[in-house]
Amino acid sequence: METLLKDLKNAKIRKHVVTSIEYDCKTEENEEEIFEMVHALITEHTNDFAKITYDIEPDNKVKVEVIENK
C-alpha cells in the first residue's frame, strides 16, 4: 500500500494532497498545542497550502485537514 501511495504522489500531474488528522484532546492545553502547530504552519508556510481547516468537535476531538499544493 505504501508503494501505491508513493507512486500516486509522484505522478507528474498537478494535484492537491489532502491530509486529515483527528486528535483526541483530553485537555484544553492539548487543544491549544494543536492550535499553535496549525498557526505556525499558516504563518511559516502560507504558500505551500491551498487550505487548512481546524475544527473542534464534540467529545474533545480536534480535526485538522490540510490541502497541499503539489
N, C-alpha and C. Protein backbone atom coordinates (compact mmCIF):
# COMPACT_ATOMS: atom_id res chain seq x y z
N MET A 1 0.82 -1.19 0.00
CA MET A 1 0.00 0.00 0.00
C MET A 1 0.86 1.25 0.00
N GLU A 2 1.94 1.25 0.78
CA GLU A 2 2.81 2.42 0.85
C GLU A 2 3.40 2.75 -0.52
N THR A 3 3.78 1.74 -1.29
CA THR A 3 4.33 1.95 -2.63
C THR A 3 3.30 2.57 -3.55
N LEU A 4 2.06 2.12 -3.47
CA LEU A 4 0.99 2.68 -4.29
C LEU A 4 0.80 4.16 -3.98
N LEU A 5 0.75 4.52 -2.70
CA LEU A 5 0.61 5.92 -2.32
C LEU A 5 1.79 6.75 -2.80
N LYS A 6 2.97 6.21 -2.69
CA LYS A 6 4.17 6.92 -3.16
C LYS A 6 4.08 7.16 -4.67
N ASP A 7 3.67 6.15 -5.41
CA ASP A 7 3.52 6.29 -6.86
C ASP A 7 2.49 7.35 -7.21
N LEU A 8 1.37 7.36 -6.50
CA LEU A 8 0.34 8.36 -6.77
C LEU A 8 0.84 9.77 -6.48
N LYS A 9 1.56 9.94 -5.38
CA LYS A 9 2.09 11.26 -5.03
C LYS A 9 3.14 11.73 -6.03
N ASN A 10 3.88 10.80 -6.64
CA ASN A 10 4.96 11.16 -7.55
C ASN A 10 4.50 11.33 -8.99
N ALA A 11 3.22 11.14 -9.28
CA ALA A 11 2.72 11.35 -10.64
C ALA A 11 3.02 12.78 -11.07
N LYS A 12 3.41 12.97 -12.31
CA LYS A 12 3.83 14.27 -12.82
C LYS A 12 2.64 15.13 -13.27
N ILE A 13 1.55 15.05 -12.57
CA ILE A 13 0.34 15.81 -12.87
C ILE A 13 0.04 16.70 -11.67
N ARG A 14 -0.41 17.95 -11.94
CA ARG A 14 -0.75 18.87 -10.86
C ARG A 14 -1.80 18.23 -9.96
N LYS A 15 -1.61 18.34 -8.65
CA LYS A 15 -2.53 17.69 -7.71
C LYS A 15 -2.59 18.45 -6.39
N HIS A 16 -3.57 18.12 -5.59
CA HIS A 16 -3.69 18.59 -4.22
C HIS A 16 -3.67 17.35 -3.33
N VAL A 17 -2.79 17.36 -2.35
CA VAL A 17 -2.69 16.24 -1.41
C VAL A 17 -3.43 16.64 -0.14
N VAL A 18 -4.40 15.83 0.26
CA VAL A 18 -5.23 16.13 1.43
C VAL A 18 -4.82 15.20 2.57
N THR A 19 -4.52 15.82 3.71
CA THR A 19 -4.20 15.07 4.92
C THR A 19 -5.20 15.47 5.99
N SER A 20 -5.82 14.48 6.60
CA SER A 20 -6.80 14.72 7.65
C SER A 20 -6.35 13.98 8.91
N ILE A 21 -6.24 14.71 10.01
CA ILE A 21 -5.82 14.11 11.28
C ILE A 21 -6.84 14.50 12.34
N GLU A 22 -7.27 13.51 13.11
CA GLU A 22 -8.19 13.76 14.22
C GLU A 22 -7.46 13.49 15.53
N TYR A 23 -7.40 14.50 16.37
CA TYR A 23 -6.71 14.41 17.65
C TYR A 23 -7.72 14.20 18.77
N ASP A 24 -7.40 13.35 19.72
CA ASP A 24 -8.22 13.12 20.90
C ASP A 24 -7.62 13.94 22.03
N CYS A 25 -8.09 15.16 22.18
CA CYS A 25 -7.53 16.10 23.17
C CYS A 25 -8.24 15.94 24.50
N LYS A 26 -7.49 15.54 25.50
CA LYS A 26 -8.06 15.32 26.83
C LYS A 26 -8.20 16.62 27.62
N THR A 27 -7.40 17.63 27.25
CA THR A 27 -7.43 18.88 27.99
C THR A 27 -7.44 20.07 27.02
N GLU A 28 -7.75 21.23 27.56
CA GLU A 28 -7.68 22.45 26.77
C GLU A 28 -6.24 22.75 26.35
N GLU A 29 -5.28 22.33 27.15
CA GLU A 29 -3.88 22.53 26.81
C GLU A 29 -3.53 21.74 25.55
N ASN A 30 -4.08 20.52 25.42
CA ASN A 30 -3.87 19.74 24.20
C ASN A 30 -4.45 20.45 22.99
N GLU A 31 -5.66 21.00 23.14
CA GLU A 31 -6.29 21.75 22.05
C GLU A 31 -5.43 22.95 21.67
N GLU A 32 -4.91 23.65 22.66
CA GLU A 32 -4.08 24.83 22.41
C GLU A 32 -2.78 24.44 21.70
N GLU A 33 -2.21 23.31 22.08
CA GLU A 33 -0.97 22.84 21.44
C GLU A 33 -1.21 22.58 19.94
N ILE A 34 -2.31 21.94 19.62
CA ILE A 34 -2.64 21.69 18.21
C ILE A 34 -2.88 23.01 17.49
N PHE A 35 -3.63 23.91 18.11
CA PHE A 35 -3.89 25.22 17.50
C PHE A 35 -2.58 25.94 17.19
N GLU A 36 -1.64 25.90 18.12
CA GLU A 36 -0.35 26.57 17.91
C GLU A 36 0.42 25.95 16.74
N MET A 37 0.35 24.63 16.60
CA MET A 37 1.01 23.97 15.47
C MET A 37 0.38 24.40 14.15
N VAL A 38 -0.95 24.45 14.11
CA VAL A 38 -1.65 24.89 12.89
C VAL A 38 -1.31 26.34 12.59
N HIS A 39 -1.30 27.18 13.61
CA HIS A 39 -0.96 28.60 13.41
C HIS A 39 0.45 28.75 12.85
N ALA A 40 1.39 27.96 13.35
CA ALA A 40 2.76 28.01 12.85
C ALA A 40 2.82 27.60 11.38
N LEU A 41 2.07 26.57 11.01
CA LEU A 41 2.02 26.16 9.60
C LEU A 41 1.53 27.30 8.72
N ILE A 42 0.47 27.96 9.17
CA ILE A 42 -0.12 29.03 8.38
C ILE A 42 0.86 30.20 8.23
N THR A 43 1.51 30.58 9.31
CA THR A 43 2.38 31.77 9.26
C THR A 43 3.72 31.49 8.58
N GLU A 44 4.22 30.28 8.68
CA GLU A 44 5.55 29.98 8.15
C GLU A 44 5.54 29.37 6.76
N HIS A 45 4.41 28.79 6.34
CA HIS A 45 4.36 28.06 5.07
C HIS A 45 3.10 28.40 4.27
N THR A 46 2.71 29.64 4.29
CA THR A 46 1.44 30.07 3.67
C THR A 46 1.31 29.60 2.23
N ASN A 47 2.34 29.74 1.44
CA ASN A 47 2.25 29.43 0.01
C ASN A 47 2.24 27.94 -0.31
N ASP A 48 2.49 27.09 0.67
CA ASP A 48 2.53 25.65 0.43
C ASP A 48 1.15 25.00 0.47
N PHE A 49 0.16 25.73 0.98
CA PHE A 49 -1.14 25.10 1.22
C PHE A 49 -2.26 25.80 0.46
N ALA A 50 -3.19 25.00 -0.03
CA ALA A 50 -4.40 25.54 -0.65
C ALA A 50 -5.44 25.84 0.42
N LYS A 51 -5.44 25.01 1.50
CA LYS A 51 -6.44 25.17 2.54
C LYS A 51 -6.00 24.43 3.81
N ILE A 52 -6.27 25.04 4.95
CA ILE A 52 -6.07 24.38 6.24
C ILE A 52 -7.32 24.63 7.07
N THR A 53 -7.91 23.57 7.60
CA THR A 53 -9.06 23.74 8.48
C THR A 53 -8.73 23.18 9.85
N TYR A 54 -9.31 23.81 10.86
CA TYR A 54 -9.12 23.43 12.26
C TYR A 54 -10.50 23.44 12.89
N ASP A 55 -11.00 22.28 13.26
CA ASP A 55 -12.35 22.18 13.84
C ASP A 55 -12.28 21.51 15.20
N ILE A 56 -12.98 22.11 16.16
CA ILE A 56 -13.16 21.47 17.46
C ILE A 56 -14.51 20.78 17.41
N GLU A 57 -14.50 19.48 17.65
CA GLU A 57 -15.70 18.67 17.56
C GLU A 57 -16.09 18.17 18.96
N PRO A 58 -17.30 17.62 19.08
CA PRO A 58 -17.72 17.07 20.38
C PRO A 58 -16.76 15.99 20.88
N ASP A 59 -16.83 15.70 22.14
CA ASP A 59 -16.01 14.66 22.78
C ASP A 59 -14.52 14.96 22.73
N ASN A 60 -14.16 16.26 22.81
CA ASN A 60 -12.76 16.68 22.87
C ASN A 60 -11.95 16.27 21.65
N LYS A 61 -12.56 16.23 20.49
CA LYS A 61 -11.86 15.91 19.25
C LYS A 61 -11.50 17.20 18.53
N VAL A 62 -10.29 17.25 18.03
CA VAL A 62 -9.86 18.35 17.18
C VAL A 62 -9.47 17.74 15.85
N LYS A 63 -10.07 18.23 14.78
CA LYS A 63 -9.80 17.71 13.45
C LYS A 63 -9.08 18.79 12.63
N VAL A 64 -7.95 18.39 12.06
CA VAL A 64 -7.17 19.29 11.22
C VAL A 64 -7.10 18.66 9.84
N GLU A 65 -7.42 19.45 8.82
CA GLU A 65 -7.32 19.00 7.44
C GLU A 65 -6.45 19.98 6.69
N VAL A 66 -5.46 19.44 5.99
CA VAL A 66 -4.50 20.25 5.24
C VAL A 66 -4.55 19.81 3.79
N ILE A 67 -4.72 20.78 2.88
CA ILE A 67 -4.66 20.51 1.45
C ILE A 67 -3.41 21.20 0.92
N GLU A 68 -2.47 20.38 0.44
CA GLU A 68 -1.20 20.89 -0.05
C GLU A 68 -1.24 21.09 -1.56
N ASN A 69 -0.64 22.16 -2.03
CA ASN A 69 -0.45 22.35 -3.46
C ASN A 69 0.77 21.55 -3.88
N LYS A 70 0.61 20.73 -4.89
CA LYS A 70 1.75 19.94 -5.40
C LYS A 70 1.84 20.10 -6.89
